[in-house]
Structure formats: structure tokens, C-alpha cells
């Protein structure tokens, strides 16, 4: 009996959901100083008890952290897929194109009370930083031109990343009394998230996800060439604007809450493309599922390396992503 394409894609999607769900459930009780067990999670669902300390730890600490970890992974995975589709560059990601570092830089300057940044909310500062970093890379790398050279974009991203990272380090030196907490945040940490973080994250993420879905048809057609897409009724300039806005929303809110968690936007779209090829109606949600599962499992691993201390989740994703990036570069050369 042969399976058709829809059945195969459904099986792949179910497998991705299963991997993510298993990681999510284990993260609720795994690697804790308290004797948490899977049964505590089940009892929280079936028979909630406010006097059960284990249930309260799971509900108040673990559940919001796991939800935020998954949704941030979804955000970064989709942002990477959209960037790669917009630039037709397999190395494009919020990390490489200075969007993460731009958001982190202005967030750090906002935290130390630098100039006018003192008077604006941190969410606005990170959005502005992501916008500045991304625009600088696109302008210097010629990303707004037709047939832009992917290597030029990568080199511009490396240069702007270096500049913004240096400014962030300068902010750390100035804010001596806040240096440790800022350094921990800049490594990509989920240790401070709570239900308030979740309430900040999901509305912006939902808006960005709706915008992302609205760009799928345009990205499918621009893969055939911008002239072909224009002849089929796609306003390429307007499409670019929507994609850029979506990426900025996904990235800025994620960086605000957890710092720059790197390489998720590079890894997730490539794995999704290996499963679903180039159909963005499948690629976008698949990149989100893979990104969510990746950050959830990375968070679980971050608590397992040197317990009871926590390794920032951004370090774990960097350890995974760096060899993956090197592999992509070597494969591109060959």
C-alpha cells in the first residue's frame, strides 16, 4: 500500500509534534532540585491541589518557562524561514543578519539608562534595535537590490554584528553593578521568565504568525523569480515590507524576554526544508515546530549540564548551531 503526498506530510507533521510534546512534558518535571515526577504533571491536570508543593512548582515555575521556551523557538524558527525565503540565501537568520545583536544592543543600552533610551519601554528599544541592525546589513549588503550577492550580505552581517556586539560590551563595562545579570541575559537565558512573560509574548507572536501566513503565497512565487511573481500579481516591494515587519516582531519580543538565543533561525528552516521542500505553507509552520522543539530540548539540556546551576540556553543552541553553520558553508563550497 502506497501513501500519497498528503499522508506522508501528515505523518511528518505528527512526528514533529510528538518530538516537541515529549520535550515539553519532560521539561515540566525533569532536572529539578525538588523530587518532581511525571505523575505530578498528570495530577496537576486531573486533580489540581493548591496545597501540593510539587504541583505549585510545576504550575508557577516550570509551565510558564516551558511555554515561553517553545513559543520563542517557534518565533525564531519562522523568522529564519522567512528571511531565507526573502533573500534566497540559505545562511540568512536573525543571528547572522544582526537582528538579534541589534535588539540586544539597544536593550542593553536601555537597561543602563543611556540617553533617550531611558524613557522608552524595553520592547520598543529591542524592536528599534532589531530594525536598525537588519537595515544596516541589508543596505551595506545590497539586500534591497535585485540579484543581491549572498556572500556580500553575509560579510555585511558579520561586520555589523561585530560593531553592535562591541557596543553591547561597552554597555556592560559601564553598568558594572548590573554586569552579571546583563551578561546572563545576553547569553540567552530563560531563568527569569514567568506568567507575565507569557502574557507579553503570545499576543505579539500570534500577530506575527498571522502576518507570516499571509506572506507564504508570495514567497512561493518569488522563488520562481521576482519578475514571474510580479507578472502573477505579487507586489514584491510590499511583500518584502511584510516579511521584514514579521521578522522584526518575532525577533524583538523574543530577545526582550530571553536575550539573543542564537542559531535557531538557521537550523530549524533547513531541517524543515529537508522534510517539506519549498512550499512555504508547510515550511513556515514546520520551521516553527522544529524551532519550538529545539529550544525546549535545549532548555532541558541547559539544566542538565552542571546541576544545580543552569547553563544559559543560548550557549546550548550555539554549541549545536556552530558545527551546523560550518557544515552549511562547506556544503556550499562543494
Protein backbone atom coordinates (compact mmCIF):
# COMPACT_ATOMS: atom_id res chain seq x y z
CA UNK A 1 0.00 0.00 0.00
CA UNK A 2 1.46 3.32 -1.10
CA UNK A 3 0.98 6.58 0.80
CA UNK A 4 0.13 9.77 -1.06
CA UNK A 5 1.97 13.06 -0.50
CA UNK A 6 -0.65 14.45 1.87
CA UNK A 7 -0.45 11.34 4.08
CA UNK A 8 3.34 11.47 4.13
CA UNK A 9 3.33 15.16 5.08
CA UNK A 10 0.76 14.44 7.79
CA UNK A 11 2.99 11.72 9.22
CA UNK A 12 5.99 14.07 9.21
CA UNK A 13 3.98 16.80 10.96
CA UNK A 14 2.72 14.31 13.56
CA UNK A 15 6.29 13.17 14.21
CA UNK A 16 7.44 16.77 14.72
CA UNK A 17 4.57 17.45 17.12
CA UNK A 18 5.39 14.28 19.06
CA UNK A 19 9.06 15.22 19.48
CA UNK A 20 8.09 18.70 20.67
CA UNK A 21 5.37 17.41 23.02
CA UNK A 22 7.69 14.85 24.61
CA UNK A 23 10.32 17.53 25.24
CA UNK A 24 7.67 19.88 26.64
CA UNK A 25 6.33 17.29 29.10
CA UNK A 26 9.78 16.22 30.28
CA UNK A 27 10.79 19.86 30.77
CA UNK A 28 7.93 20.29 33.26
CA UNK A 29 9.42 17.86 35.78
CA UNK A 30 12.94 16.97 34.61
CA UNK A 31 16.18 18.19 36.22
CA UNK A 32 14.79 19.80 39.36
CA UNK A 33 16.14 20.27 42.87
CA UNK A 34 12.73 19.03 44.01
CA UNK A 35 11.57 15.46 43.57
CA UNK A 36 9.24 16.16 40.66
CA UNK A 37 7.79 13.25 38.71
CA UNK A 38 5.64 12.73 35.65
CA UNK A 39 2.76 11.81 37.97
CA UNK A 40 2.82 15.34 39.38
CA UNK A 41 2.13 16.71 35.91
CA UNK A 42 -0.79 14.32 35.46
CA UNK A 43 -2.24 15.20 38.87
CA UNK A 44 -1.97 18.90 38.06
CA UNK A 45 -4.19 18.25 35.03
CA UNK A 46 -6.62 15.72 36.52
CA UNK A 47 -6.81 16.73 40.20
CA UNK A 48 -5.27 20.18 40.89
CA UNK A 49 -4.35 20.75 44.52
CA UNK A 50 -3.19 24.18 45.73
CA UNK A 51 -1.60 22.56 48.79
CA UNK A 52 0.62 20.24 46.73
CA UNK A 53 4.03 21.92 46.59
CA UNK A 54 5.14 19.91 43.56
CA UNK A 55 2.07 20.95 41.58
CA UNK A 56 2.64 24.57 42.51
CA UNK A 57 6.28 24.42 41.38
CA UNK A 58 5.22 22.96 38.05
CA UNK A 59 2.39 25.46 37.53
CA UNK A 60 4.12 28.63 38.74
CA UNK A 61 7.70 27.99 37.58
CA UNK A 62 8.02 25.17 35.07
CA UNK A 63 4.87 25.59 32.96
CA UNK A 64 5.38 29.28 32.01
CA UNK A 65 9.07 28.63 31.35
CA UNK A 66 8.34 25.69 29.04
CA UNK A 67 5.59 27.59 27.22
CA UNK A 68 7.85 30.62 26.70
CA UNK A 69 10.74 28.39 25.55
CA UNK A 70 8.55 26.66 22.96
CA UNK A 71 7.00 29.87 21.64
CA UNK A 72 10.34 31.67 21.40
CA UNK A 73 11.65 28.70 19.42
CA UNK A 74 8.60 28.92 17.15
CA UNK A 75 9.23 32.64 16.64
CA UNK A 76 12.89 32.27 15.77
CA UNK A 77 12.34 29.25 13.54
CA UNK A 78 9.70 31.03 11.46
CA UNK A 79 11.75 34.24 11.37
CA UNK A 80 14.68 32.29 9.91
CA UNK A 81 12.47 30.62 7.28
CA UNK A 82 11.05 33.98 6.19
CA UNK A 83 14.49 35.58 5.97
CA UNK A 84 15.86 32.72 3.88
CA UNK A 85 12.84 32.94 1.61
CA UNK A 86 13.07 36.71 1.23
CA UNK A 87 16.81 36.80 0.47
CA UNK A 88 17.03 33.35 -1.16
CA UNK A 89 20.12 32.93 0.98
CA UNK A 90 20.45 29.61 2.87
CA UNK A 91 22.64 31.28 5.52
CA UNK A 92 20.13 34.01 6.39
CA UNK A 93 18.98 34.09 10.01
CA UNK A 94 18.21 36.71 12.69
CA UNK A 95 21.64 35.97 14.21
CA UNK A 96 23.73 36.33 11.06
CA UNK A 97 21.91 39.43 9.79
CA UNK A 98 22.50 41.38 13.03
CA UNK A 99 18.82 41.46 14.00
CA UNK A 100 19.49 39.63 17.27
CA UNK A 101 22.59 41.68 18.10
CA UNK A 102 20.83 44.95 17.23
CA UNK A 103 17.92 44.14 19.53
CA UNK A 104 20.32 43.05 22.29
CA UNK A 105 22.44 46.20 21.91
CA UNK A 106 19.58 48.67 22.36
CA UNK A 107 18.09 46.53 25.12
CA UNK A 108 21.42 46.72 26.98
CA UNK A 109 21.66 50.50 26.43
CA UNK A 110 18.06 50.84 27.60
CA UNK A 111 18.88 48.87 30.77
CA UNK A 112 21.75 51.17 31.75
CA UNK A 113 19.69 54.31 31.05
CA UNK A 114 21.61 55.56 28.03
CA UNK A 115 20.31 58.87 26.67
CA UNK A 116 16.76 58.97 25.33
CA UNK A 117 16.54 55.17 25.58
CA UNK A 118 15.86 55.64 29.30
CA UNK A 119 12.38 56.94 28.57
CA UNK A 120 11.10 54.24 26.20
CA UNK A 121 9.80 50.73 27.03
CA UNK A 122 12.24 47.85 26.62
CA UNK A 123 10.01 46.24 23.97
CA UNK A 124 10.24 49.39 21.82
CA UNK A 125 14.01 49.54 22.32
CA UNK A 126 14.51 45.94 21.17
CA UNK A 127 12.24 46.46 18.15
CA UNK A 128 14.19 49.58 17.17
CA UNK A 129 17.50 47.76 17.66
CA UNK A 130 16.38 44.82 15.52
CA UNK A 131 15.22 47.26 12.82
CA UNK A 132 18.50 49.21 12.86
CA UNK A 133 20.67 46.07 12.76
CA UNK A 134 18.68 44.49 9.93
CA UNK A 135 18.54 47.68 7.86
CA UNK A 136 22.27 48.29 8.17
CA UNK A 137 23.04 44.78 6.93
CA UNK A 138 20.56 45.00 4.05
CA UNK A 139 21.81 48.42 2.96
CA UNK A 140 25.51 47.56 3.17
CA UNK A 141 25.00 44.10 1.69
CA UNK A 142 22.80 45.27 -1.16
CA UNK A 143 19.91 43.14 0.06
CA UNK A 144 17.32 45.52 -1.36
CA UNK A 145 18.77 45.16 -4.87
CA UNK A 146 17.75 42.52 -7.34
CA UNK A 147 20.11 39.52 -7.54
CA UNK A 148 21.96 40.53 -4.38
CA UNK A 149 25.20 38.63 -3.74
CA UNK A 150 24.61 36.27 -0.77
CA UNK A 151 28.29 36.46 0.23
CA UNK A 152 28.12 40.26 0.41
CA UNK A 153 25.12 40.03 2.75
CA UNK A 154 26.97 37.55 4.98
CA UNK A 155 30.06 39.79 5.16
CA UNK A 156 27.90 42.82 5.97
CA UNK A 157 26.17 40.80 8.68
CA UNK A 158 29.48 39.79 10.24
CA UNK A 159 30.71 43.40 10.23
CA UNK A 160 27.53 44.88 11.76
CA UNK A 161 27.36 42.03 14.28
CA UNK A 162 30.89 42.89 15.40
CA UNK A 163 30.03 46.58 15.77
CA UNK A 164 26.83 46.00 17.75
CA UNK A 165 28.44 43.36 19.95
CA UNK A 166 31.23 45.81 20.81
CA UNK A 167 28.67 48.46 21.78
CA UNK A 168 26.87 45.92 23.95
CA UNK A 169 30.13 45.02 25.72
CA UNK A 170 30.78 48.71 26.31
CA UNK A 171 27.37 48.92 27.97
CA UNK A 172 28.36 46.01 30.21
CA UNK A 173 31.53 47.81 31.29
CA UNK A 174 29.59 50.99 32.08
CA UNK A 175 26.91 49.11 34.05
CA UNK A 176 29.34 47.47 36.45
CA UNK A 177 26.73 46.72 39.12
CA UNK A 178 24.36 45.16 36.55
CA UNK A 179 27.03 43.39 34.51
CA UNK A 180 26.38 39.84 35.73
CA UNK A 181 22.62 39.87 35.18
CA UNK A 182 23.02 41.54 31.78
CA UNK A 183 25.72 39.04 30.75
CA UNK A 184 23.44 36.16 31.75
CA UNK A 185 20.59 37.66 29.70
CA UNK A 186 22.87 38.30 26.71
CA UNK A 187 23.78 34.60 26.69
CA UNK A 188 20.14 33.75 26.07
CA UNK A 189 18.52 32.77 29.36
CA UNK A 190 15.04 31.57 30.32
CA UNK A 191 15.67 31.60 34.07
CA UNK A 192 13.67 34.78 34.72
CA UNK A 193 10.54 34.12 32.65
CA UNK A 194 7.14 33.74 34.32
CA UNK A 195 3.43 34.03 33.53
CA UNK A 196 3.81 37.77 32.92
CA UNK A 197 6.43 36.97 30.27
CA UNK A 198 3.97 34.60 28.63
CA UNK A 199 1.25 37.27 28.62
CA UNK A 200 3.68 39.65 26.85
CA UNK A 201 4.86 37.03 24.37
CA UNK A 202 1.82 35.31 22.94
CA UNK A 203 -0.18 38.31 21.58
CA UNK A 204 2.78 39.66 19.59
CA UNK A 205 3.69 36.15 18.42
CA UNK A 206 0.12 35.48 17.28
CA UNK A 207 0.03 38.72 15.27
CA UNK A 208 3.39 37.90 13.69
CA UNK A 209 2.26 34.35 12.87
CA UNK A 210 -0.83 35.65 11.05
CA UNK A 211 1.42 38.02 9.08
CA UNK A 212 3.80 35.15 8.32
CA UNK A 213 1.00 33.02 6.87
CA UNK A 214 -0.07 35.96 4.70
CA UNK A 215 3.37 36.01 3.04
CA UNK A 216 3.50 32.29 2.13
CA UNK A 217 1.92 32.59 -1.32
CA UNK A 218 4.19 35.49 -2.22
CA UNK A 219 7.32 33.64 -1.07
CA UNK A 220 6.32 30.56 -3.06
CA UNK A 221 6.01 32.66 -6.21
CA UNK A 222 9.15 34.77 -5.67
CA UNK A 223 11.11 31.51 -5.51
CA UNK A 224 10.36 31.31 -9.26
CA UNK A 225 11.84 34.78 -9.76
CA UNK A 226 10.70 38.26 -8.88
CA UNK A 227 9.63 39.07 -12.44
CA UNK A 228 7.49 35.93 -12.55
CA UNK A 229 5.96 36.80 -9.17
CA UNK A 230 5.17 40.33 -10.35
CA UNK A 231 3.51 39.03 -13.50
CA UNK A 232 1.32 36.81 -11.29
CA UNK A 233 0.09 39.77 -9.25
CA UNK A 234 2.57 39.86 -6.35
CA UNK A 235 3.73 43.31 -5.20
CA UNK A 236 7.31 42.34 -4.38
CA UNK A 237 8.12 45.56 -2.52
CA UNK A 238 5.03 45.22 -0.33
CA UNK A 239 5.88 41.55 0.27
CA UNK A 240 9.38 42.48 1.42
CA UNK A 241 7.94 45.03 3.83
CA UNK A 242 5.53 42.49 5.35
CA UNK A 243 8.26 39.88 5.73
CA UNK A 244 10.62 42.37 7.37
CA UNK A 245 7.93 43.56 9.78
CA UNK A 246 7.06 39.96 10.67
CA UNK A 247 10.69 39.03 11.33
CA UNK A 248 11.17 42.13 13.49
CA UNK A 249 8.08 41.32 15.58
CA UNK A 250 9.13 37.70 16.08
CA UNK A 251 12.71 38.59 16.97
CA UNK A 252 12.26 41.70 19.11
CA UNK A 253 9.73 40.20 21.53
CA UNK A 254 11.81 37.03 21.84
CA UNK A 255 15.02 38.94 22.58
CA UNK A 256 13.23 41.16 25.09
CA UNK A 257 12.20 38.20 27.23
CA UNK A 258 15.09 35.75 26.83
CA UNK A 259 18.01 37.53 25.23
CA UNK A 260 19.55 36.57 21.86
CA UNK A 261 19.12 32.80 21.53
CA UNK A 262 21.32 32.08 18.52
CA UNK A 263 21.22 29.71 15.53
CA UNK A 264 17.62 28.53 15.99
CA UNK A 265 16.59 30.60 12.97
CA UNK A 266 19.33 28.93 10.92
CA UNK A 267 18.84 25.30 11.94
CA UNK A 268 15.04 24.99 12.01
CA UNK A 269 14.30 26.12 8.41
CA UNK A 270 16.95 23.79 6.96
CA UNK A 271 15.54 20.78 8.81
CA UNK A 272 12.01 21.80 7.80
CA UNK A 273 13.08 22.18 4.16
CA UNK A 274 14.55 18.67 4.22
CA UNK A 275 11.09 17.39 5.19
CA UNK A 276 8.72 19.66 3.25
CA UNK A 277 10.86 21.13 0.46
CA UNK A 278 9.93 24.67 -0.62
CA UNK A 279 6.20 25.03 -0.02
CA UNK A 280 6.03 27.88 2.49
CA UNK A 281 2.52 26.95 3.57
CA UNK A 282 4.16 23.84 5.06
CA UNK A 283 7.64 25.24 5.61
CA UNK A 284 6.59 28.10 7.90
CA UNK A 285 4.66 26.02 10.48
CA UNK A 286 7.22 23.19 10.24
CA UNK A 287 10.08 25.63 10.95
CA UNK A 288 8.11 26.85 13.95
CA UNK A 289 7.54 23.32 15.28
CA UNK A 290 11.21 22.40 14.88
CA UNK A 291 12.35 25.68 16.45
CA UNK A 292 9.99 25.19 19.40
CA UNK A 293 11.15 21.61 19.95
CA UNK A 294 14.80 22.67 19.63
CA UNK A 295 14.60 25.42 22.26
CA UNK A 296 12.52 23.24 24.59
CA UNK A 297 15.04 20.39 24.45
CA UNK A 298 17.96 22.86 24.66
CA UNK A 299 16.43 24.37 27.81
CA UNK A 300 16.11 20.89 29.33
CA UNK A 301 19.73 20.17 28.42
CA UNK A 302 20.87 23.51 29.86
CA UNK A 303 19.60 22.40 33.28
CA UNK A 304 21.38 19.05 32.96
CA UNK A 305 24.96 20.10 32.17
CA UNK A 306 26.13 21.36 35.58
CA UNK A 307 23.23 20.88 38.02
CA UNK A 308 22.01 22.56 40.15
CA UNK A 309 23.40 25.58 38.23
CA UNK A 310 21.88 26.49 34.87
CA UNK A 311 23.76 26.97 31.63
CA UNK A 312 22.06 29.68 29.51
CA UNK A 313 20.04 28.07 26.76
CA UNK A 314 21.68 30.34 24.18
CA UNK A 315 25.03 28.65 24.87
CA UNK A 316 23.49 25.24 24.22
CA UNK A 317 21.96 26.35 20.90
CA UNK A 318 25.31 27.91 19.94
CA UNK A 319 27.08 24.61 20.62
CA UNK A 320 24.58 22.89 18.34
CA UNK A 321 24.42 25.63 15.71
CA UNK A 322 28.11 26.38 15.17
CA UNK A 323 29.03 23.00 13.64
CA UNK A 324 25.76 23.12 11.66
CA UNK A 325 26.75 26.52 10.24
CA UNK A 326 30.23 25.21 9.33
CA UNK A 327 28.60 22.24 7.60
CA UNK A 328 26.39 24.54 5.52
CA UNK A 329 29.36 26.68 4.49
CA UNK A 330 31.42 23.64 3.47
CA UNK A 331 28.48 22.15 1.58
CA UNK A 332 28.01 25.48 -0.22
CA UNK A 333 31.68 25.46 -1.30
CA UNK A 334 31.43 21.92 -2.64
